[in-house]
């Protein structure tokens, strides 16, 4: 039977061309006035998910 994609996961993660899982960093949405520009630049850039967690995420995304 085909697996359905978990929509909450598909909105939070993307799979790169090489098969790694990309995520956005936390703490960049509110209370921004106290955070420095340098810190905000770092938070806006995407990050890769840990190998151990990426397996779980791929199964939830119903990725081959």
N, C-alpha and C. Protein backbone atom coordinates (compact mmCIF):
# COMPACT_ATOMS: atom_id res chain seq x y z
N UNK A 1 0.84 -1.19 0.00
CA UNK A 1 0.00 0.00 0.00
C UNK A 1 0.88 1.25 0.00
N UNK A 2 0.47 2.25 -0.74
CA UNK A 2 1.25 3.48 -0.82
C UNK A 2 1.16 4.26 0.48
N UNK A 3 2.27 4.91 0.84
CA UNK A 3 2.28 5.75 2.04
C UNK A 3 1.88 7.16 1.68
N UNK A 4 1.13 7.79 2.57
CA UNK A 4 0.77 9.18 2.36
C UNK A 4 1.83 10.09 2.96
N UNK A 5 2.02 11.23 2.34
CA UNK A 5 2.98 12.21 2.84
C UNK A 5 2.37 12.95 4.02
N UNK A 6 3.15 13.11 5.09
CA UNK A 6 2.70 13.93 6.22
C UNK A 6 2.85 15.39 5.80
N UNK A 7 1.74 16.10 5.68
CA UNK A 7 1.76 17.46 5.14
C UNK A 7 2.53 18.43 6.05
N UNK A 8 2.46 18.22 7.36
CA UNK A 8 3.19 19.10 8.28
C UNK A 8 4.70 18.98 8.06
N UNK A 9 5.16 17.77 7.74
CA UNK A 9 6.58 17.54 7.48
C UNK A 9 6.98 18.14 6.14
N UNK A 10 6.12 17.99 5.14
CA UNK A 10 6.45 18.49 3.79
C UNK A 10 6.55 20.01 3.76
N UNK A 11 5.87 20.68 4.69
CA UNK A 11 5.96 22.14 4.76
C UNK A 11 7.23 22.60 5.46
N UNK A 12 7.79 21.75 6.31
CA UNK A 12 8.96 22.14 7.10
C UNK A 12 10.30 21.72 6.49
N UNK A 13 10.29 20.68 5.67
CA UNK A 13 11.54 20.13 5.15
C UNK A 13 11.50 19.99 3.63
N UNK A 14 12.67 20.12 3.02
CA UNK A 14 12.82 19.90 1.57
C UNK A 14 14.00 18.94 1.38
N UNK A 15 13.93 18.14 0.32
CA UNK A 15 15.02 17.22 0.02
C UNK A 15 15.86 17.80 -1.11
N UNK A 16 17.18 17.83 -0.89
CA UNK A 16 18.09 18.39 -1.89
C UNK A 16 18.30 17.38 -3.01
N UNK A 17 18.96 17.81 -4.07
CA UNK A 17 19.21 16.94 -5.21
C UNK A 17 20.07 15.74 -4.84
N UNK A 18 20.95 15.93 -3.86
CA UNK A 18 21.83 14.83 -3.44
C UNK A 18 21.17 13.93 -2.40
N UNK A 19 19.95 14.25 -1.98
CA UNK A 19 19.22 13.39 -1.05
C UNK A 19 19.31 13.80 0.41
N UNK A 20 19.95 14.93 0.69
CA UNK A 20 20.01 15.41 2.07
C UNK A 20 18.72 16.17 2.38
N UNK A 21 18.43 16.31 3.67
CA UNK A 21 17.20 16.99 4.08
C UNK A 21 17.54 18.38 4.60
N UNK A 22 16.86 19.38 4.04
CA UNK A 22 17.11 20.78 4.37
C UNK A 22 16.00 21.29 5.29
N UNK A 23 16.39 22.12 6.25
CA UNK A 23 15.41 22.69 7.19
C UNK A 23 15.72 24.16 7.42
N UNK A 24 14.74 24.87 7.97
CA UNK A 24 15.00 26.26 8.34
C UNK A 24 15.30 26.31 9.83
N UNK A 25 16.01 27.33 10.25
CA UNK A 25 16.41 27.46 11.66
C UNK A 25 15.31 28.12 12.48
N UNK A 26 15.30 27.83 13.75
CA UNK A 26 14.29 28.37 14.66
C UNK A 26 14.70 29.76 15.18
N UNK A 27 13.78 30.43 15.83
CA UNK A 27 13.98 31.72 16.52
C UNK A 27 14.11 32.92 15.58
N UNK A 28 13.58 32.85 14.37
CA UNK A 28 13.72 33.98 13.46
C UNK A 28 12.42 34.66 13.10
N UNK A 29 11.36 34.46 13.90
CA UNK A 29 10.05 34.97 13.51
C UNK A 29 9.53 36.16 14.32
N UNK A 30 9.81 36.20 15.60
CA UNK A 30 9.31 37.33 16.40
C UNK A 30 10.34 37.71 17.45
N UNK A 31 10.08 38.82 18.13
CA UNK A 31 11.04 39.41 19.09
C UNK A 31 12.37 39.68 18.39
N UNK A 32 12.29 40.31 17.22
CA UNK A 32 13.47 40.49 16.38
C UNK A 32 14.30 41.71 16.75
N UNK A 33 13.71 42.66 17.47
CA UNK A 33 14.42 43.91 17.76
C UNK A 33 15.65 43.68 18.64
N UNK A 34 15.61 42.67 19.48
CA UNK A 34 16.75 42.40 20.36
C UNK A 34 17.83 41.55 19.70
N UNK A 35 17.53 40.99 18.52
CA UNK A 35 18.51 40.13 17.83
C UNK A 35 19.31 40.96 16.83
N UNK A 36 20.60 40.74 16.80
CA UNK A 36 21.48 41.51 15.93
C UNK A 36 21.29 41.10 14.47
N UNK A 37 21.71 41.96 13.57
CA UNK A 37 21.62 41.68 12.14
C UNK A 37 22.43 40.46 11.75
N UNK A 38 23.58 40.34 12.36
CA UNK A 38 24.47 39.20 12.10
C UNK A 38 23.79 37.89 12.50
N UNK A 39 23.14 37.94 13.64
CA UNK A 39 22.42 36.75 14.14
C UNK A 39 21.24 36.42 13.23
N UNK A 40 20.54 37.44 12.76
CA UNK A 40 19.39 37.23 11.88
C UNK A 40 19.82 36.65 10.54
N UNK A 41 20.95 37.10 10.02
CA UNK A 41 21.47 36.53 8.76
C UNK A 41 21.73 35.04 8.93
N UNK A 42 22.31 34.68 10.07
CA UNK A 42 22.62 33.28 10.35
C UNK A 42 21.33 32.45 10.48
N UNK A 43 20.30 33.04 11.10
CA UNK A 43 19.05 32.31 11.31
C UNK A 43 18.26 32.15 10.01
N UNK A 44 18.42 33.08 9.08
CA UNK A 44 17.67 33.00 7.83
C UNK A 44 18.22 31.95 6.87
N UNK A 45 19.51 31.62 7.00
CA UNK A 45 20.09 30.63 6.09
C UNK A 45 19.60 29.23 6.45
N UNK A 46 19.44 28.40 5.45
CA UNK A 46 18.96 27.03 5.66
C UNK A 46 20.06 26.17 6.26
N UNK A 47 19.66 25.06 6.86
CA UNK A 47 20.60 24.15 7.49
C UNK A 47 20.22 22.72 7.11
N UNK A 48 21.13 21.79 7.24
CA UNK A 48 20.85 20.40 6.93
C UNK A 48 20.47 19.65 8.20
N UNK A 49 19.64 18.64 8.03
CA UNK A 49 19.19 17.82 9.16
C UNK A 49 20.23 16.74 9.42
N UNK A 50 20.35 16.36 10.66
CA UNK A 50 21.23 15.29 11.12
C UNK A 50 20.91 13.99 10.37
N UNK A 51 21.92 13.17 10.09
CA UNK A 51 21.72 11.91 9.34
C UNK A 51 20.70 10.99 9.99
N UNK A 52 20.77 10.86 11.31
CA UNK A 52 19.88 9.96 12.03
C UNK A 52 18.42 10.40 11.89
N UNK A 53 18.18 11.70 11.94
CA UNK A 53 16.82 12.22 11.83
C UNK A 53 16.34 12.24 10.39
N UNK A 54 17.25 12.37 9.43
CA UNK A 54 16.83 12.48 8.04
C UNK A 54 16.16 11.19 7.56
N UNK A 55 16.56 10.04 8.09
CA UNK A 55 15.91 8.78 7.72
C UNK A 55 14.44 8.80 8.12
N UNK A 56 14.17 9.27 9.33
CA UNK A 56 12.79 9.34 9.82
C UNK A 56 11.96 10.30 8.97
N UNK A 57 12.55 11.44 8.66
CA UNK A 57 11.85 12.46 7.90
C UNK A 57 11.53 11.96 6.49
N UNK A 58 12.47 11.26 5.88
CA UNK A 58 12.24 10.73 4.54
C UNK A 58 11.10 9.73 4.51
N UNK A 59 10.97 8.93 5.57
CA UNK A 59 9.84 7.98 5.60
C UNK A 59 8.52 8.72 5.76
N UNK A 60 8.51 9.79 6.53
CA UNK A 60 7.29 10.58 6.70
C UNK A 60 6.92 11.35 5.42
N UNK A 61 7.95 11.66 4.64
CA UNK A 61 7.71 12.33 3.37
C UNK A 61 7.33 11.33 2.27
N UNK A 62 7.35 10.04 2.61
CA UNK A 62 7.10 8.96 1.65
C UNK A 62 8.05 9.07 0.48
N UNK A 63 9.31 9.41 0.79
CA UNK A 63 10.36 9.55 -0.22
C UNK A 63 11.03 8.20 -0.41
N UNK A 64 11.38 7.89 -1.64
CA UNK A 64 11.97 6.59 -1.96
C UNK A 64 13.34 6.42 -1.34
